[in-house]
Amino acid sequence: MECNSDWETAGPGVERRLVALGERMMAVRVRFAKGAIGALHAHPHEQLTQILSGRFRFQVGEEVLELSAGDLLCIPGGLEHGTQALEAGELLDIFSPLREDLLEGPTTHPE
C-alpha cells in the first residue's frame, strides 16, 4: 500500500518519509545533503537499500563500500551499519519486518 507521508528531519542534512507500508514490510525514502551522515546503528530488521541518486560510503559490519545510483545493498538484521553522503543523494530503504520505531514519528538519527 502506498502512503507517501510528509518528509521529516532524521538528522543534520537528512530527511525521510514513509512511501509504502505492508503487513510485514515497509519502504522509506531518505534524502541526504552532501556530507550528511547516517550514524552507525543496528536493528533486528533486514534492510534492502537502493541508491536512487548520489554517491555514498557505507560501512556494513567491517566492510566499507562506495555505492552510487542504481546500486543495491542488502543488510542482514543485527549487523551494525551507517553511511555518509559523498554527494547529495537519495536512498530507498526497505525493511522487513516493519520498523515500528519509524512509525512512531521523527527520531534523532537516520536509518
PDB file of N, CA and C in Angstrom:
ATOM      1  N   MET A   1       0.843  -1.178   0.000  1.00  0.00           N
ATOM      2  CA  MET A   1       0.000   0.000   0.000  1.00  0.00           C
ATOM      3  C   MET A   1       0.889   1.242   0.000  1.00  0.00           C
ATOM      4  N   GLU A   2       0.643   2.156  -0.913  1.00  0.00           N
ATOM      5  CA  GLU A   2       1.384   3.410  -0.969  1.00  0.00           C
ATOM      6  C   GLU A   2       0.855   4.336   0.109  1.00  0.00           C
ATOM      7  N   CYS A   3       1.757   5.141   0.734  1.00  0.00           N
ATOM      8  CA  CYS A   3       1.268   6.060   1.760  1.00  0.00           C
ATOM      9  C   CYS A   3       1.861   7.462   1.633  1.00  0.00           C
ATOM     10  N   ASN A   4       3.080   7.608   1.124  1.00  0.00           N
ATOM     11  CA  ASN A   4       3.691   8.921   0.888  1.00  0.00           C
ATOM     12  C   ASN A   4       3.438   9.927   2.004  1.00  0.00           C
ATOM     13  N   SER A   5       3.998   9.677   3.183  1.00  0.00           N
ATOM     14  CA  SER A   5       3.879  10.600   4.306  1.00  0.00           C
ATOM     15  C   SER A   5       4.714  11.852   4.036  1.00  0.00           C
ATOM     16  N   ASP A   6       4.613  12.831   4.920  1.00  0.00           N
ATOM     17  CA  ASP A   6       5.413  14.049   4.800  1.00  0.00           C
ATOM     18  C   ASP A   6       6.876  13.754   5.122  1.00  0.00           C
ATOM     19  N   TRP A   7       7.773  14.560   4.555  1.00  0.00           N
ATOM     20  CA  TRP A   7       9.189  14.456   4.878  1.00  0.00           C
ATOM     21  C   TRP A   7       9.395  14.893   6.320  1.00  0.00           C
ATOM     22  N   GLU A   8      10.253  14.169   7.047  1.00  0.00           N
ATOM     23  CA  GLU A   8      10.599  14.535   8.420  1.00  0.00           C
ATOM     24  C   GLU A   8      12.115  14.583   8.552  1.00  0.00           C
ATOM     25  N   THR A   9      12.593  15.432   9.441  1.00  0.00           N
ATOM     26  CA  THR A   9      14.021  15.527   9.692  1.00  0.00           C
ATOM     27  C   THR A   9      14.465  14.302  10.481  1.00  0.00           C
ATOM     28  N   ALA A  10      15.528  13.655  10.011  1.00  0.00           N
ATOM     29  CA  ALA A  10      16.037  12.448  10.666  1.00  0.00           C
ATOM     30  C   ALA A  10      17.440  12.671  11.214  1.00  0.00           C
ATOM     31  N   GLY A  11      17.996  13.860  11.023  1.00  0.00           N
ATOM     32  CA  GLY A  11      19.331  14.200  11.479  1.00  0.00           C
ATOM     33  C   GLY A  11      19.821  15.381  10.663  1.00  0.00           C
ATOM     34  N   PRO A  12      20.977  15.929  11.005  1.00  0.00           N
ATOM     35  CA  PRO A  12      21.500  17.062  10.239  1.00  0.00           C
ATOM     36  C   PRO A  12      21.711  16.699   8.764  1.00  0.00           C
ATOM     37  N   GLY A  13      21.008  17.394   7.882  1.00  0.00           N
ATOM     38  CA  GLY A  13      21.146  17.150   6.451  1.00  0.00           C
ATOM     39  C   GLY A  13      20.461  15.899   5.950  1.00  0.00           C
ATOM     40  N   VAL A  14      19.594  15.294   6.776  1.00  0.00           N
ATOM     41  CA  VAL A  14      18.916  14.042   6.406  1.00  0.00           C
ATOM     42  C   VAL A  14      17.412  14.181   6.638  1.00  0.00           C
ATOM     43  N   GLU A  15      16.637  13.820   5.620  1.00  0.00           N
ATOM     44  CA  GLU A  15      15.182  13.795   5.718  1.00  0.00           C
ATOM     45  C   GLU A  15      14.691  12.446   5.224  1.00  0.00           C
ATOM     46  N   ARG A  16      13.552  12.010   5.766  1.00  0.00           N
ATOM     47  CA  ARG A  16      12.982  10.751   5.291  1.00  0.00           C
ATOM     48  C   ARG A  16      11.462  10.832   5.306  1.00  0.00           C
ATOM     49  N   ARG A  17      10.863   9.915   4.507  1.00  0.00           N
ATOM     50  CA  ARG A  17       9.415   9.780   4.530  1.00  0.00           C
ATOM     51  C   ARG A  17       9.033   8.356   4.185  1.00  0.00           C
ATOM     52  N   LEU A  18       7.999   7.888   4.806  1.00  0.00           N
ATOM     53  CA  LEU A  18       7.441   6.570   4.555  1.00  0.00           C
ATOM     54  C   LEU A  18       6.682   6.622   3.235  1.00  0.00           C
ATOM     55  N   VAL A  19       7.021   5.718   2.306  1.00  0.00           N
ATOM     56  CA  VAL A  19       6.359   5.725   0.999  1.00  0.00           C
ATOM     57  C   VAL A  19       5.486   4.502   0.753  1.00  0.00           C
ATOM     58  N   ALA A  20       5.692   3.427   1.494  1.00  0.00           N
ATOM     59  CA  ALA A  20       4.851   2.238   1.342  1.00  0.00           C
ATOM     60  C   ALA A  20       4.866   1.445   2.635  1.00  0.00           C
ATOM     61  N   LEU A  21       3.716   0.875   2.966  1.00  0.00           N
ATOM     62  CA  LEU A  21       3.572   0.133   4.206  1.00  0.00           C
ATOM     63  C   LEU A  21       2.722  -1.095   3.937  1.00  0.00           C
ATOM     64  N   GLY A  22       3.293  -2.258   4.217  1.00  0.00           N
ATOM     65  CA  GLY A  22       2.569  -3.515   4.087  1.00  0.00           C
ATOM     66  C   GLY A  22       2.367  -4.134   5.451  1.00  0.00           C
ATOM     67  N   GLU A  23       1.946  -5.388   5.475  1.00  0.00           N
ATOM     68  CA  GLU A  23       1.749  -6.074   6.757  1.00  0.00           C
ATOM     69  C   GLU A  23       3.072  -6.442   7.405  1.00  0.00           C
ATOM     70  N   ARG A  24       4.098  -6.796   6.595  1.00  0.00           N
ATOM     71  CA  ARG A  24       5.367  -7.269   7.151  1.00  0.00           C
ATOM     72  C   ARG A  24       6.582  -6.549   6.586  1.00  0.00           C
ATOM     73  N   MET A  25       6.356  -5.509   5.760  1.00  0.00           N
ATOM     74  CA  MET A  25       7.493  -4.766   5.222  1.00  0.00           C
ATOM     75  C   MET A  25       7.086  -3.322   4.973  1.00  0.00           C
ATOM     76  N   MET A  26       8.110  -2.453   4.843  1.00  0.00           N
ATOM     77  CA  MET A  26       7.863  -1.041   4.612  1.00  0.00           C
ATOM     78  C   MET A  26       8.986  -0.457   3.774  1.00  0.00           C
ATOM     79  N   ALA A  27       8.687   0.641   3.077  1.00  0.00           N
ATOM     80  CA  ALA A  27       9.682   1.333   2.257  1.00  0.00           C
ATOM     81  C   ALA A  27       9.759   2.794   2.707  1.00  0.00           C
ATOM     82  N   VAL A  28      10.990   3.285   2.827  1.00  0.00           N
ATOM     83  CA  VAL A  28      11.252   4.644   3.302  1.00  0.00           C
ATOM     84  C   VAL A  28      12.249   5.302   2.354  1.00  0.00           C
ATOM     85  N   ARG A  29      11.937   6.494   1.866  1.00  0.00           N
ATOM     86  CA  ARG A  29      12.885   7.282   1.064  1.00  0.00           C
ATOM     87  C   ARG A  29      13.661   8.165   2.019  1.00  0.00           C
ATOM     88  N   VAL A  30      14.981   8.264   1.790  1.00  0.00           N
ATOM     89  CA  VAL A  30      15.844   9.053   2.662  1.00  0.00           C
ATOM     90  C   VAL A  30      16.695   9.965   1.789  1.00  0.00           C
ATOM     91  N   ARG A  31      16.634  11.287   2.040  1.00  0.00           N
ATOM     92  CA  ARG A  31      17.426  12.274   1.301  1.00  0.00           C
ATOM     93  C   ARG A  31      18.579  12.750   2.163  1.00  0.00           C
ATOM     94  N   PHE A  32      19.760  12.841   1.542  1.00  0.00           N
ATOM     95  CA  PHE A  32      20.967  13.279   2.231  1.00  0.00           C
ATOM     96  C   PHE A  32      21.561  14.495   1.529  1.00  0.00           C
ATOM     97  N   ALA A  33      21.937  15.508   2.292  1.00  0.00           N
ATOM     98  CA  ALA A  33      22.755  16.598   1.763  1.00  0.00           C
ATOM     99  C   ALA A  33      24.193  16.075   1.672  1.00  0.00           C
ATOM    100  N   LYS A  34      25.006  16.685   0.826  1.00  0.00           N
ATOM    101  CA  LYS A  34      26.403  16.280   0.708  1.00  0.00           C
ATOM    102  C   LYS A  34      27.070  16.339   2.081  1.00  0.00           C
ATOM    103  N   GLY A  35      27.762  15.268   2.442  1.00  0.00           N
ATOM    104  CA  GLY A  35      28.469  15.194   3.714  1.00  0.00           C
ATOM    105  C   GLY A  35      27.634  14.711   4.881  1.00  0.00           C
ATOM    106  N   ALA A  36      26.319  14.635   4.735  1.00  0.00           N
ATOM    107  CA  ALA A  36      25.448  14.185   5.828  1.00  0.00           C
ATOM    108  C   ALA A  36      25.751  12.731   6.179  1.00  0.00           C
ATOM    109  N   ILE A  37      25.528  12.411   7.445  1.00  0.00           N
ATOM    110  CA  ILE A  37      25.885  11.090   7.965  1.00  0.00           C
ATOM    111  C   ILE A  37      24.661  10.373   8.514  1.00  0.00           C
ATOM    112  N   GLY A  38      24.531   9.113   8.144  1.00  0.00           N
ATOM    113  CA  GLY A  38      23.604   8.184   8.784  1.00  0.00           C
ATOM    114  C   GLY A  38      24.450   7.410   9.786  1.00  0.00           C
ATOM    115  N   ALA A  39      24.333   7.754  11.071  1.00  0.00           N
ATOM    116  CA  ALA A  39      25.199   7.210  12.120  1.00  0.00           C
ATOM    117  C   ALA A  39      25.169   5.685  12.167  1.00  0.00           C
ATOM    118  N   LEU A  40      26.285   5.098  12.591  1.00  0.00           N
ATOM    119  CA  LEU A  40      26.341   3.645  12.778  1.00  0.00           C
ATOM    120  C   LEU A  40      25.263   3.213  13.763  1.00  0.00           C
ATOM    121  N   HIS A  41      24.535   2.168  13.420  1.00  0.00           N
ATOM    122  CA  HIS A  41      23.471   1.640  14.250  1.00  0.00           C
ATOM    123  C   HIS A  41      23.172   0.210  13.804  1.00  0.00           C
ATOM    124  N   ALA A  42      22.375  -0.474  14.579  1.00  0.00           N
ATOM    125  CA  ALA A  42      21.931  -1.829  14.229  1.00  0.00           C
ATOM    126  C   ALA A  42      20.482  -1.976  14.667  1.00  0.00           C
ATOM    127  N   HIS A  43      19.754  -2.829  13.984  1.00  0.00           N
ATOM    128  CA  HIS A  43      18.376  -3.159  14.335  1.00  0.00           C
ATOM    129  C   HIS A  43      18.133  -4.593  13.863  1.00  0.00           C
ATOM    130  N   PRO A  44      17.130  -5.266  14.419  1.00  0.00           N
ATOM    131  CA  PRO A  44      16.917  -6.678  14.071  1.00  0.00           C
ATOM    132  C   PRO A  44      16.303  -6.900  12.691  1.00  0.00           C
ATOM    133  N   HIS A  45      15.895  -5.840  12.021  1.00  0.00           N
ATOM    134  CA  HIS A  45      15.200  -5.938  10.741  1.00  0.00           C
ATOM    135  C   HIS A  45      16.171  -6.126   9.584  1.00  0.00           C
ATOM    136  N   GLU A  46      15.802  -6.931   8.586  1.00  0.00           N
ATOM    137  CA  GLU A  46      16.544  -6.975   7.334  1.00  0.00           C
ATOM    138  C   GLU A  46      16.310  -5.662   6.612  1.00  0.00           C
ATOM    139  N   GLN A  47      17.344  -5.179   5.928  1.00  0.00           N
ATOM    140  CA  GLN A  47      17.234  -3.914   5.204  1.00  0.00           C
ATOM    141  C   GLN A  47      17.797  -4.075   3.800  1.00  0.00           C
ATOM    142  N   LEU A  48      17.035  -3.648   2.832  1.00  0.00           N
ATOM    143  CA  LEU A  48      17.478  -3.598   1.448  1.00  0.00           C
ATOM    144  C   LEU A  48      17.520  -2.119   1.076  1.00  0.00           C
ATOM    145  N   THR A  49      18.675  -1.623   0.634  1.00  0.00           N
ATOM    146  CA  THR A  49      18.833  -0.218   0.288  1.00  0.00           C
ATOM    147  C   THR A  49      19.206  -0.087  -1.178  1.00  0.00           C
ATOM    148  N   GLN A  50      18.430   0.714  -1.908  1.00  0.00           N
ATOM    149  CA  GLN A  50      18.764   1.046  -3.290  1.00  0.00           C
ATOM    150  C   GLN A  50      19.171   2.512  -3.332  1.00  0.00           C
ATOM    151  N   ILE A  51      20.297   2.785  -3.992  1.00  0.00           N
ATOM    152  CA  ILE A  51      20.751   4.156  -4.152  1.00  0.00           C
ATOM    153  C   ILE A  51      20.007   4.726  -5.359  1.00  0.00           C
ATOM    154  N   LEU A  52      19.157   5.717  -5.116  1.00  0.00           N
ATOM    155  CA  LEU A  52      18.365   6.324  -6.181  1.00  0.00           C
ATOM    156  C   LEU A  52      19.147   7.420  -6.891  1.00  0.00           C
ATOM    157  N   SER A  53      19.964   8.152  -6.139  1.00  0.00           N
ATOM    158  CA  SER A  53      20.804   9.204  -6.717  1.00  0.00           C
ATOM    159  C   SER A  53      21.941   9.492  -5.757  1.00  0.00           C
ATOM    160  N   GLY A  54      23.012  10.097  -6.284  1.00  0.00           N
ATOM    161  CA  GLY A  54      24.149  10.460  -5.444  1.00  0.00           C
ATOM    162  C   GLY A  54      25.156   9.334  -5.294  1.00  0.00           C
ATOM    163  N   ARG A  55      26.134   9.586  -4.399  1.00  0.00           N
ATOM    164  CA  ARG A  55      27.185   8.616  -4.072  1.00  0.00           C
ATOM    165  C   ARG A  55      27.319   8.557  -2.568  1.00  0.00           C
ATOM    166  N   PHE A  56      27.485   7.331  -2.039  1.00  0.00           N
ATOM    167  CA  PHE A  56      27.517   7.106  -0.601  1.00  0.00           C
ATOM    168  C   PHE A  56      28.650   6.165  -0.226  1.00  0.00           C
ATOM    169  N   ARG A  57      29.227   6.386   0.949  1.00  0.00           N
ATOM    170  CA  ARG A  57      30.172   5.440   1.544  1.00  0.00           C
ATOM    171  C   ARG A  57      29.445   4.764   2.698  1.00  0.00           C
ATOM    172  N   PHE A  58      29.262   3.456   2.580  1.00  0.00           N
ATOM    173  CA  PHE A  58      28.589   2.664   3.603  1.00  0.00           C
ATOM    174  C   PHE A  58      29.604   1.867   4.397  1.00  0.00           C
ATOM    175  N   GLN A  59      29.361   1.746   5.681  1.00  0.00           N
ATOM    176  CA  GLN A  59      30.052   0.766   6.498  1.00  0.00           C
ATOM    177  C   GLN A  59      29.005  -0.252   6.911  1.00  0.00           C
ATOM    178  N   VAL A  60      29.245  -1.512   6.582  1.00  0.00           N
ATOM    179  CA  VAL A  60      28.349  -2.611   6.932  1.00  0.00           C
ATOM    180  C   VAL A  60      29.204  -3.645   7.629  1.00  0.00           C
ATOM    181  N   GLY A  61      29.034  -3.746   8.942  1.00  0.00           N
ATOM    182  CA  GLY A  61      29.948  -4.579   9.716  1.00  0.00           C
ATOM    183  C   GLY A  61      31.339  -3.993   9.576  1.00  0.00           C
ATOM    184  N   GLU A  62      32.308  -4.810   9.187  1.00  0.00           N
ATOM    185  CA  GLU A  62      33.687  -4.350   8.998  1.00  0.00           C
ATOM    186  C   GLU A  62      33.965  -3.898   7.568  1.00  0.00           C
ATOM    187  N   GLU A  63      32.998  -4.078   6.671  1.00  0.00           N
ATOM    188  CA  GLU A  63      33.194  -3.775   5.256  1.00  0.00           C
ATOM    189  C   GLU A  63      32.824  -2.322   4.949  1.00  0.00           C
ATOM    190  N   VAL A  64      33.646  -1.662   4.117  1.00  0.00           N
ATOM    191  CA  VAL A  64      33.368  -0.304   3.650  1.00  0.00           C
ATOM    192  C   VAL A  64      33.153  -0.359   2.143  1.00  0.00           C
ATOM    193  N   LEU A  65      32.023   0.203   1.697  1.00  0.00           N
ATOM    194  CA  LEU A  65      31.640   0.158   0.283  1.00  0.00           C
ATOM    195  C   LEU A  65      31.302   1.555  -0.208  1.00  0.00           C
ATOM    196  N   GLU A  66      31.681   1.875  -1.438  1.00  0.00           N
ATOM    197  CA  GLU A  66      31.228   3.110  -2.076  1.00  0.00           C
ATOM    198  C   GLU A  66      30.223   2.730  -3.142  1.00  0.00           C
ATOM    199  N   LEU A  67      29.010   3.287  -3.021  1.00  0.00           N
ATOM    200  CA  LEU A  67      27.913   2.942  -3.910  1.00  0.00           C
ATOM    201  C   LEU A  67      27.334   4.194  -4.545  1.00  0.00           C
ATOM    202  N   SER A  68      26.742   4.030  -5.731  1.00  0.00           N
ATOM    203  CA  SER A  68      26.136   5.161  -6.436  1.00  0.00           C
ATOM    204  C   SER A  68      24.813   4.731  -7.060  1.00  0.00           C
ATOM    205  N   ALA A  69      24.161   5.688  -7.722  1.00  0.00           N
ATOM    206  CA  ALA A  69      22.824   5.474  -8.277  1.00  0.00           C
ATOM    207  C   ALA A  69      22.722   4.141  -9.016  1.00  0.00           C
ATOM    208  N   GLY A  70      21.691   3.378  -8.658  1.00  0.00           N
ATOM    209  CA  GLY A  70      21.439   2.078  -9.271  1.00  0.00           C
ATOM    210  C   GLY A  70      21.945   0.911  -8.447  1.00  0.00           C
ATOM    211  N   ASP A  71      22.894   1.156  -7.538  1.00  0.00           N
ATOM    212  CA  ASP A  71      23.429   0.070  -6.710  1.00  0.00           C
ATOM    213  C   ASP A  71      22.427  -0.338  -5.640  1.00  0.00           C
ATOM    214  N   LEU A  72      22.554  -1.588  -5.201  1.00  0.00           N
ATOM    215  CA  LEU A  72      21.663  -2.183  -4.222  1.00  0.00           C
ATOM    216  C   LEU A  72      22.497  -2.844  -3.140  1.00  0.00           C
ATOM    217  N   LEU A  73      22.039  -2.739  -1.901  1.00  0.00           N
ATOM    218  CA  LEU A  73      22.771  -3.269  -0.755  1.00  0.00           C
ATOM    219  C   LEU A  73      21.792  -4.005   0.150  1.00  0.00           C
ATOM    220  N   CYS A  74      22.140  -5.224   0.545  1.00  0.00           N
ATOM    221  CA  CYS A  74      21.333  -5.998   1.478  1.00  0.00           C
ATOM    222  C   CYS A  74      22.062  -6.056   2.818  1.00  0.00           C
ATOM    223  N   ILE A  75      21.385  -5.623   3.882  1.00  0.00           N
ATOM    224  CA  ILE A  75      21.984  -5.579   5.216  1.00  0.00           C
ATOM    225  C   ILE A  75      21.221  -6.544   6.110  1.00  0.00           C
ATOM    226  N   PRO A  76      21.884  -7.595   6.591  1.00  0.00           N
ATOM    227  CA  PRO A  76      21.212  -8.551   7.476  1.00  0.00           C
ATOM    228  C   PRO A  76      20.795  -7.893   8.787  1.00  0.00           C
ATOM    229  N   GLY A  77      19.729  -8.388   9.382  1.00  0.00           N
ATOM    230  CA  GLY A  77      19.300  -7.897  10.684  1.00  0.00           C
ATOM    231  C   GLY A  77      20.403  -8.073  11.717  1.00  0.00           C
ATOM    232  N   GLY A  78      20.544  -7.084  12.599  1.00  0.00           N
ATOM    233  CA  GLY A  78      21.508  -7.150  13.688  1.00  0.00           C
ATOM    234  C   GLY A  78      22.904  -6.687  13.344  1.00  0.00           C
ATOM    235  N   LEU A  79      23.211  -6.427  12.073  1.00  0.00           N
ATOM    236  CA  LEU A  79      24.554  -6.018  11.663  1.00  0.00           C
ATOM    237  C   LEU A  79      24.677  -4.495  11.715  1.00  0.00           C
ATOM    238  N   GLU A  80      25.699  -3.997  12.406  1.00  0.00           N
ATOM    239  CA  GLU A  80      25.907  -2.553  12.505  1.00  0.00           C
ATOM    240  C   GLU A  80      26.225  -1.971  11.131  1.00  0.00           C
ATOM    241  N   HIS A  81      25.619  -0.827  10.826  1.00  0.00           N
ATOM    242  CA  HIS A  81      25.815  -0.184   9.533  1.00  0.00           C
ATOM    243  C   HIS A  81      25.558   1.319   9.641  1.00  0.00           C
ATOM    244  N   GLY A  82      26.098   2.059   8.686  1.00  0.00           N
ATOM    245  CA  GLY A  82      25.896   3.500   8.613  1.00  0.00           C
ATOM    246  C   GLY A  82      26.396   3.989   7.265  1.00  0.00           C
ATOM    247  N   THR A  83      26.177   5.277   6.980  1.00  0.00           N
ATOM    248  CA  THR A  83      26.580   5.815   5.689  1.00  0.00           C
ATOM    249  C   THR A  83      26.951   7.282   5.793  1.00  0.00           C
ATOM    250  N   GLN A  84      27.714   7.739   4.809  1.00  0.00           N
ATOM    251  CA  GLN A  84      27.998   9.154   4.628  1.00  0.00           C
ATOM    252  C   GLN A  84      27.754   9.485   3.164  1.00  0.00           C
ATOM    253  N   ALA A  85      27.063  10.605   2.923  1.00  0.00           N
ATOM    254  CA  ALA A  85      26.793  11.043   1.548  1.00  0.00           C
ATOM    255  C   ALA A  85      28.034  11.731   0.993  1.00  0.00           C
ATOM    256  N   LEU A  86      28.653  11.142  -0.017  1.00  0.00           N
ATOM    257  CA  LEU A  86      29.814  11.738  -0.671  1.00  0.00           C
ATOM    258  C   LEU A  86      29.371  12.875  -1.590  1.00  0.00           C
ATOM    259  N   GLU A  87      28.118  12.825  -1.999  1.00  0.00           N
ATOM    260  CA  GLU A  87      27.450  13.922  -2.709  1.00  0.00           C
ATOM    261  C   GLU A  87      25.979  13.825  -2.344  1.00  0.00           C
ATOM    262  N   ALA A  88      25.218  14.887  -2.566  1.00  0.00           N
ATOM    263  CA  ALA A  88      23.794  14.858  -2.242  1.00  0.00           C
ATOM    264  C   ALA A  88      23.140  13.687  -2.969  1.00  0.00           C
ATOM    265  N   GLY A  89      22.198  13.039  -2.301  1.00  0.00           N
ATOM    266  CA  GLY A  89      21.546  11.910  -2.934  1.00  0.00           C
ATOM    267  C   GLY A  89      20.356  11.407  -2.152  1.00  0.00           C
ATOM    268  N   GLU A  90      19.763  10.335  -2.683  1.00  0.00           N
ATOM    269  CA  GLU A  90      18.565   9.767  -2.086  1.00  0.00           C
ATOM    270  C   GLU A  90      18.638   8.248  -2.119  1.00  0.00           C
ATOM    271  N   LEU A  91      18.138   7.638  -1.043  1.00  0.00           N
ATOM    272  CA  LEU A  91      18.093   6.186  -0.897  1.00  0.00           C
ATOM    273  C   LEU A  91      16.653   5.731  -0.766  1.00  0.00           C
ATOM    274  N   LEU A  92      16.408   4.489  -1.140  1.00  0.00           N
ATOM    275  CA  LEU A  92      15.153   3.818  -0.834  1.00  0.00           C
ATOM    276  C   LEU A  92      15.502   2.644   0.075  1.00  0.00           C
ATOM    277  N   ASP A  93      15.019   2.698   1.318  1.00  0.00           N
ATOM    278  CA  ASP A  93      15.256   1.634   2.297  1.00  0.00           C
ATOM    279  C   ASP A  93      13.986   0.801   2.431  1.00  0.00           C
ATOM    280  N   ILE A  94      14.141  -0.520   2.329  1.00  0.00           N
ATOM    281  CA  ILE A  94      13.023  -1.441   2.521  1.00  0.00           C
ATOM    282  C   ILE A  94      13.364  -2.307   3.728  1.00  0.00           C
ATOM    283  N   PHE A  95      12.440  -2.368   4.680  1.00  0.00           N
ATOM    284  CA  PHE A  95      12.659  -3.102   5.921  1.00  0.00           C
ATOM    285  C   PHE A  95      11.640  -4.224   6.063  1.00  0.00           C
ATOM    286  N   SER A  96      12.115  -5.357   6.612  1.00  0.00           N
ATOM    287  CA  SER A  96      11.236  -6.454   6.971  1.00  0.00           C
ATOM    288  C   SER A  96      11.772  -7.091   8.249  1.00  0.00           C
ATOM    289  N   PRO A  97      10.952  -7.289   9.274  1.00  0.00           N
ATOM    290  CA  PRO A  97       9.562  -6.856   9.356  1.00  0.00           C
ATOM    291  C   PRO A  97       9.467  -5.336   9.522  1.00  0.00           C
ATOM    292  N   LEU A  98       8.279  -4.827   9.788  1.00  0.00           N
ATOM    293  CA  LEU A  98       8.056  -3.394   9.950  1.00  0.00           C
ATOM    294  C   LEU A  98       8.960  -2.807  11.032  1.00  0.00           C
ATOM    295  N   ARG A  99       9.462  -1.621  10.793  1.00  0.00           N
ATOM    296  CA  ARG A  99      10.206  -0.856  11.802  1.00  0.00           C
ATOM    297  C   ARG A  99       9.198  -0.024  12.577  1.00  0.00           C
ATOM    298  N   GLU A 100       8.671  -0.586  13.649  1.00  0.00           N
ATOM    299  CA  GLU A 100       7.670   0.119  14.456  1.00  0.00           C
ATOM    300  C   GLU A 100       8.208   1.461  14.944  1.00  0.00           C
ATOM    301  N   ASP A 101       9.530   1.532  15.236  1.00  0.00           N
ATOM    302  CA  ASP A 101      10.113   2.787  15.729  1.00  0.00           C
ATOM    303  C   ASP A 101       9.998   3.899  14.689  1.00  0.00           C
ATOM    304  N   LEU A 102      10.019   3.568  13.406  1.00  0.00           N
ATOM    305  CA  LEU A 102       9.888   4.585  12.369  1.00  0.00           C
ATOM    306  C   LEU A 102       8.436   5.018  12.170  1.00  0.00           C
ATOM    307  N   LEU A 103       7.516   4.226  12.639  1.00  0.00           N
ATOM    308  CA  LEU A 103       6.098   4.581  12.534  1.00  0.00           C
ATOM    309  C   LEU A 103       5.664   5.507  13.667  1.00  0.00           C
ATOM    310  N   GLU A 104       6.507   5.644  14.686  1.00  0.00           N
ATOM    311  CA  GLU A 104       6.166   6.443  15.866  1.00  0.00           C
ATOM    312  C   GLU A 104       6.500   7.915  15.703  1.00  0.00           C
ATOM    313  N   GLY A 105       7.108   8.317  14.572  1.00  0.00           N
ATOM    314  CA  GLY A 105       7.405   9.730  14.358  1.00  0.00           C
ATOM    315  C   GLY A 105       8.891   9.989  14.280  1.00  0.00           C
ATOM    316  N   PRO A 106       9.285  11.278  14.191  1.00  0.00           N
ATOM    317  CA  PRO A 106      10.675  11.659  13.991  1.00  0.00           C
ATOM    318  C   PRO A 106      11.600  11.126  15.101  1.00  0.00           C
ATOM    319  N   THR A 107      12.811  10.778  14.698  1.00  0.00           N
ATOM    320  CA  THR A 107      13.842  10.355  15.632  1.00  0.00           C
ATOM    321  C   THR A 107      15.056  11.239  15.433  1.00  0.00           C
ATOM    322  N   THR A 108      16.101  10.994  16.178  1.00  0.00           N
ATOM    323  CA  THR A 108      17.274  11.842  16.089  1.00  0.00           C
ATOM    324  C   THR A 108      18.371  11.262  15.220  1.00  0.00           C
ATOM    325  N   HIS A 109      18.126  10.125  14.573  1.00  0.00           N
ATOM    326  CA  HIS A 109      19.151   9.552  13.710  1.00  0.00           C
ATOM    327  C   HIS A 109      18.506   8.888  12.503  1.00  0.00           C
ATOM    328  N   PRO A 110      19.165   8.948  11.349  1.00  0.00           N
ATOM    329  CA  PRO A 110      18.644   8.324  10.142  1.00  0.00           C
ATOM    330  C   PRO A 110      18.940   6.840  10.098  1.00  0.00           C
ATOM    331  N   GLU A 111      18.150   6.123   9.290  1.00  0.00           N
ATOM    332  CA  GLU A 111      18.359   4.688   9.096  1.00  0.00           C
ATOM    333  C   GLU A 111      18.732   4.408   7.677  1.00  0.00           C
TER     334      GLU A 111
END
